[in-house]
């Protein structure tokens, strides 16, 4: 048994000043497929599969961080991960919940923003299950 946390890099989250043009760019130039297009965390979010890689597009112009807002890290146990971050001297922001999604943002080395998140398997819609690797195992 490993003492490594059950965590994996899940997606890059991009800000888009013209969401439809950004979707078209990724679809037309790289064959991206829209997995879901819905409201989450107060804005339109589009989840793309790009050859097995994942992008989340946020309907909002880039801020001071530029177009790459954060990296998403999917974890099996959000509370344990937050405690591990605190114990290591990092300062996760308060946990937020939006439907089946629970997450906390934390700035890592060099100010890299991370979204540490968990989707509740039992309440996640069928259309999102594969994208968030739920029901496997």
C-alpha atoms as a PDB file:
ATOM      1  CA  UNK A   1       0.000   0.000   0.000  1.00  0.00           C
ATOM      2  CA  UNK A   2       1.336   3.398  -0.993  1.00  0.00           C
ATOM      3  CA  UNK A   3       1.155   6.511   1.157  1.00  0.00           C
ATOM      4  CA  UNK A   4       0.825   8.647  -1.975  1.00  0.00           C
ATOM      5  CA  UNK A   5      -2.417  10.612  -2.212  1.00  0.00           C
ATOM      6  CA  UNK A   6      -4.985   9.474  -4.758  1.00  0.00           C
ATOM      7  CA  UNK A   7      -4.680  12.555  -6.972  1.00  0.00           C
ATOM      8  CA  UNK A   8      -4.195  13.148 -10.670  1.00  0.00           C
ATOM      9  CA  UNK A   9      -3.769  16.121 -12.940  1.00  0.00           C
ATOM     10  CA  UNK A  10      -7.159  16.393 -14.598  1.00  0.00           C
ATOM     11  CA  UNK A  11      -7.427  19.535 -16.740  1.00  0.00           C
ATOM     12  CA  UNK A  12      -6.144  22.948 -17.681  1.00  0.00           C
ATOM     13  CA  UNK A  13      -8.769  25.653 -17.161  1.00  0.00           C
ATOM     14  CA  UNK A  14      -8.686  28.369 -19.793  1.00  0.00           C
ATOM     15  CA  UNK A  15     -10.418  31.735 -19.685  1.00  0.00           C
ATOM     16  CA  UNK A  16     -12.084  32.716 -22.968  1.00  0.00           C
ATOM     17  CA  UNK A  17     -13.144  36.226 -23.982  1.00  0.00           C
ATOM     18  CA  UNK A  18     -15.099  34.662 -26.897  1.00  0.00           C
ATOM     19  CA  UNK A  19     -16.110  31.207 -25.726  1.00  0.00           C
ATOM     20  CA  UNK A  20     -17.706  30.076 -28.988  1.00  0.00           C
ATOM     21  CA  UNK A  21     -14.653  31.136 -31.019  1.00  0.00           C
ATOM     22  CA  UNK A  22     -12.393  29.315 -28.543  1.00  0.00           C
ATOM     23  CA  UNK A  23     -14.500  26.141 -28.822  1.00  0.00           C
ATOM     24  CA  UNK A  24     -14.332  26.399 -32.632  1.00  0.00           C
ATOM     25  CA  UNK A  25     -10.546  26.842 -32.515  1.00  0.00           C
ATOM     26  CA  UNK A  26     -10.016  23.682 -30.469  1.00  0.00           C
ATOM     27  CA  UNK A  27     -12.597  21.692 -32.473  1.00  0.00           C
ATOM     28  CA  UNK A  28     -11.546  22.815 -35.949  1.00  0.00           C
ATOM     29  CA  UNK A  29      -7.792  22.772 -35.426  1.00  0.00           C
ATOM     30  CA  UNK A  30      -7.332  19.902 -32.957  1.00  0.00           C
ATOM     31  CA  UNK A  31     -10.480  17.772 -33.219  1.00  0.00           C
ATOM     32  CA  UNK A  32     -11.725  18.621 -29.726  1.00  0.00           C
ATOM     33  CA  UNK A  33     -15.133  17.294 -28.762  1.00  0.00           C
ATOM     34  CA  UNK A  34     -17.517  19.100 -26.419  1.00  0.00           C
ATOM     35  CA  UNK A  35     -18.313  16.783 -23.509  1.00  0.00           C
ATOM     36  CA  UNK A  36     -20.526  19.220 -21.607  1.00  0.00           C
ATOM     37  CA  UNK A  37     -21.658  22.827 -21.839  1.00  0.00           C
ATOM     38  CA  UNK A  38     -23.295  24.073 -18.652  1.00  0.00           C
ATOM     39  CA  UNK A  39     -23.431  26.595 -15.837  1.00  0.00           C
ATOM     40  CA  UNK A  40     -21.003  25.909 -12.983  1.00  0.00           C
ATOM     41  CA  UNK A  41     -19.469  28.170 -10.376  1.00  0.00           C
ATOM     42  CA  UNK A  42     -21.465  31.119 -11.675  1.00  0.00           C
ATOM     43  CA  UNK A  43     -20.491  31.002 -15.333  1.00  0.00           C
ATOM     44  CA  UNK A  44     -20.775  28.970 -18.508  1.00  0.00           C
ATOM     45  CA  UNK A  45     -18.226  26.154 -18.509  1.00  0.00           C
ATOM     46  CA  UNK A  46     -17.445  23.967 -21.489  1.00  0.00           C
ATOM     47  CA  UNK A  47     -15.579  20.693 -20.996  1.00  0.00           C
ATOM     48  CA  UNK A  48     -13.542  19.540 -23.983  1.00  0.00           C
ATOM     49  CA  UNK A  49     -11.878  16.240 -24.772  1.00  0.00           C
ATOM     50  CA  UNK A  50      -8.808  16.902 -26.910  1.00  0.00           C
ATOM     51  CA  UNK A  51      -7.486  13.488 -27.943  1.00  0.00           C
ATOM     52  CA  UNK A  52      -7.911  12.176 -24.408  1.00  0.00           C
ATOM     53  CA  UNK A  53      -6.622  15.360 -22.767  1.00  0.00           C
ATOM     54  CA  UNK A  54      -9.019  17.665 -20.981  1.00  0.00           C
ATOM     55  CA  UNK A  55      -9.661  21.388 -21.191  1.00  0.00           C
ATOM     56  CA  UNK A  56     -12.243  23.356 -19.249  1.00  0.00           C
ATOM     57  CA  UNK A  57     -13.190  26.638 -20.878  1.00  0.00           C
ATOM     58  CA  UNK A  58     -14.633  29.413 -18.737  1.00  0.00           C
ATOM     59  CA  UNK A  59     -16.800  32.112 -20.310  1.00  0.00           C
ATOM     60  CA  UNK A  60     -14.800  35.032 -18.979  1.00  0.00           C
ATOM     61  CA  UNK A  61     -12.033  37.184 -20.398  1.00  0.00           C
ATOM     62  CA  UNK A  62      -8.541  36.363 -19.134  1.00  0.00           C
ATOM     63  CA  UNK A  63      -7.542  38.078 -15.903  1.00  0.00           C
ATOM     64  CA  UNK A  64      -4.094  38.951 -14.536  1.00  0.00           C
ATOM     65  CA  UNK A  65      -3.129  35.265 -14.750  1.00  0.00           C
ATOM     66  CA  UNK A  66      -3.610  35.243 -18.519  1.00  0.00           C
ATOM     67  CA  UNK A  67      -5.632  32.707 -20.484  1.00  0.00           C
ATOM     68  CA  UNK A  68      -4.502  29.727 -18.381  1.00  0.00           C
ATOM     69  CA  UNK A  69      -6.332  30.367 -15.146  1.00  0.00           C
ATOM     70  CA  UNK A  70      -5.498  27.190 -13.242  1.00  0.00           C
ATOM     71  CA  UNK A  71      -4.757  23.482 -13.342  1.00  0.00           C
ATOM     72  CA  UNK A  72      -7.378  21.110 -11.980  1.00  0.00           C
ATOM     73  CA  UNK A  73      -6.267  18.252  -9.748  1.00  0.00           C
ATOM     74  CA  UNK A  74      -8.890  15.571  -9.094  1.00  0.00           C
ATOM     75  CA  UNK A  75      -8.521  13.986  -5.647  1.00  0.00           C
ATOM     76  CA  UNK A  76     -10.259  11.076  -3.965  1.00  0.00           C
ATOM     77  CA  UNK A  77     -10.411  12.786  -0.559  1.00  0.00           C
ATOM     78  CA  UNK A  78     -10.696  16.569  -0.686  1.00  0.00           C
ATOM     79  CA  UNK A  79     -10.609  17.117   3.086  1.00  0.00           C
ATOM     80  CA  UNK A  80      -7.452  15.018   3.525  1.00  0.00           C
ATOM     81  CA  UNK A  81      -5.781  16.811   0.627  1.00  0.00           C
ATOM     82  CA  UNK A  82      -6.610  20.228   2.085  1.00  0.00           C
ATOM     83  CA  UNK A  83      -5.165  19.172   5.440  1.00  0.00           C
ATOM     84  CA  UNK A  84      -2.015  17.842   3.730  1.00  0.00           C
ATOM     85  CA  UNK A  85      -1.612  21.194   1.935  1.00  0.00           C
ATOM     86  CA  UNK A  86      -2.040  23.145   5.183  1.00  0.00           C
ATOM     87  CA  UNK A  87       0.407  20.888   7.020  1.00  0.00           C
ATOM     88  CA  UNK A  88       2.952  21.563   4.265  1.00  0.00           C
ATOM     89  CA  UNK A  89       2.568  25.335   4.736  1.00  0.00           C
ATOM     90  CA  UNK A  90       0.207  26.165   1.851  1.00  0.00           C
ATOM     91  CA  UNK A  91      -2.994  28.173   2.316  1.00  0.00           C
ATOM     92  CA  UNK A  92      -5.995  26.618   0.550  1.00  0.00           C
ATOM     93  CA  UNK A  93      -8.980  28.918   0.195  1.00  0.00           C
ATOM     94  CA  UNK A  94     -12.290  27.825   1.761  1.00  0.00           C
ATOM     95  CA  UNK A  95     -13.968  24.819   0.168  1.00  0.00           C
ATOM     96  CA  UNK A  96     -16.893  25.573  -2.129  1.00  0.00           C
ATOM     97  CA  UNK A  97     -19.595  23.211  -3.305  1.00  0.00           C
ATOM     98  CA  UNK A  98     -21.645  23.524  -6.500  1.00  0.00           C
ATOM     99  CA  UNK A  99     -23.908  20.508  -7.030  1.00  0.00           C
ATOM    100  CA  UNK A 100     -21.725  17.401  -7.119  1.00  0.00           C
ATOM    101  CA  UNK A 101     -18.519  19.475  -7.315  1.00  0.00           C
ATOM    102  CA  UNK A 102     -16.517  20.386  -4.208  1.00  0.00           C
ATOM    103  CA  UNK A 103     -13.276  22.307  -4.620  1.00  0.00           C
ATOM    104  CA  UNK A 104     -10.710  24.532  -3.012  1.00  0.00           C
ATOM    105  CA  UNK A 105      -8.266  26.830  -4.770  1.00  0.00           C
ATOM    106  CA  UNK A 106      -4.662  27.059  -3.626  1.00  0.00           C
ATOM    107  CA  UNK A 107      -1.659  28.913  -4.968  1.00  0.00           C
ATOM    108  CA  UNK A 108       1.320  26.628  -5.371  1.00  0.00           C
ATOM    109  CA  UNK A 109       4.935  27.434  -6.168  1.00  0.00           C
ATOM    110  CA  UNK A 110       5.473  30.544  -8.296  1.00  0.00           C
ATOM    111  CA  UNK A 111       1.815  31.514  -7.818  1.00  0.00           C
ATOM    112  CA  UNK A 112       0.463  28.638  -9.932  1.00  0.00           C
ATOM    113  CA  UNK A 113      -3.240  28.431  -9.121  1.00  0.00           C
ATOM    114  CA  UNK A 114      -4.592  24.940  -8.554  1.00  0.00           C
ATOM    115  CA  UNK A 115      -8.189  23.806  -8.242  1.00  0.00           C
ATOM    116  CA  UNK A 116      -8.167  20.762  -5.971  1.00  0.00           C
ATOM    117  CA  UNK A 117     -11.521  19.103  -6.524  1.00  0.00           C
ATOM    118  CA  UNK A 118     -13.753  16.086  -6.059  1.00  0.00           C
ATOM    119  CA  UNK A 119     -16.997  15.137  -7.809  1.00  0.00           C
ATOM    120  CA  UNK A 120     -19.510  13.190  -5.728  1.00  0.00           C
ATOM    121  CA  UNK A 121     -20.021  10.029  -7.745  1.00  0.00           C
ATOM    122  CA  UNK A 122     -23.560   9.427  -6.547  1.00  0.00           C
ATOM    123  CA  UNK A 123     -24.887  12.840  -7.657  1.00  0.00           C
ATOM    124  CA  UNK A 124     -22.884  13.518 -10.828  1.00  0.00           C
ATOM    125  CA  UNK A 125     -24.922  13.507 -14.047  1.00  0.00           C
ATOM    126  CA  UNK A 126     -24.387  10.625 -16.441  1.00  0.00           C
ATOM    127  CA  UNK A 127     -23.041  12.967 -19.153  1.00  0.00           C
ATOM    128  CA  UNK A 128     -20.115  13.961 -16.890  1.00  0.00           C
ATOM    129  CA  UNK A 129     -19.201  10.539 -15.479  1.00  0.00           C
ATOM    130  CA  UNK A 130     -16.611   9.563 -18.096  1.00  0.00           C
ATOM    131  CA  UNK A 131     -15.071  13.037 -18.161  1.00  0.00           C
ATOM    132  CA  UNK A 132     -14.468  12.858 -14.416  1.00  0.00           C
ATOM    133  CA  UNK A 133     -13.512   9.149 -14.423  1.00  0.00           C
ATOM    134  CA  UNK A 134     -16.407   8.175 -12.158  1.00  0.00           C
ATOM    135  CA  UNK A 135     -17.653   4.643 -11.796  1.00  0.00           C
ATOM    136  CA  UNK A 136     -14.332   3.107 -12.728  1.00  0.00           C
ATOM    137  CA  UNK A 137     -12.425   0.835 -10.485  1.00  0.00           C
END
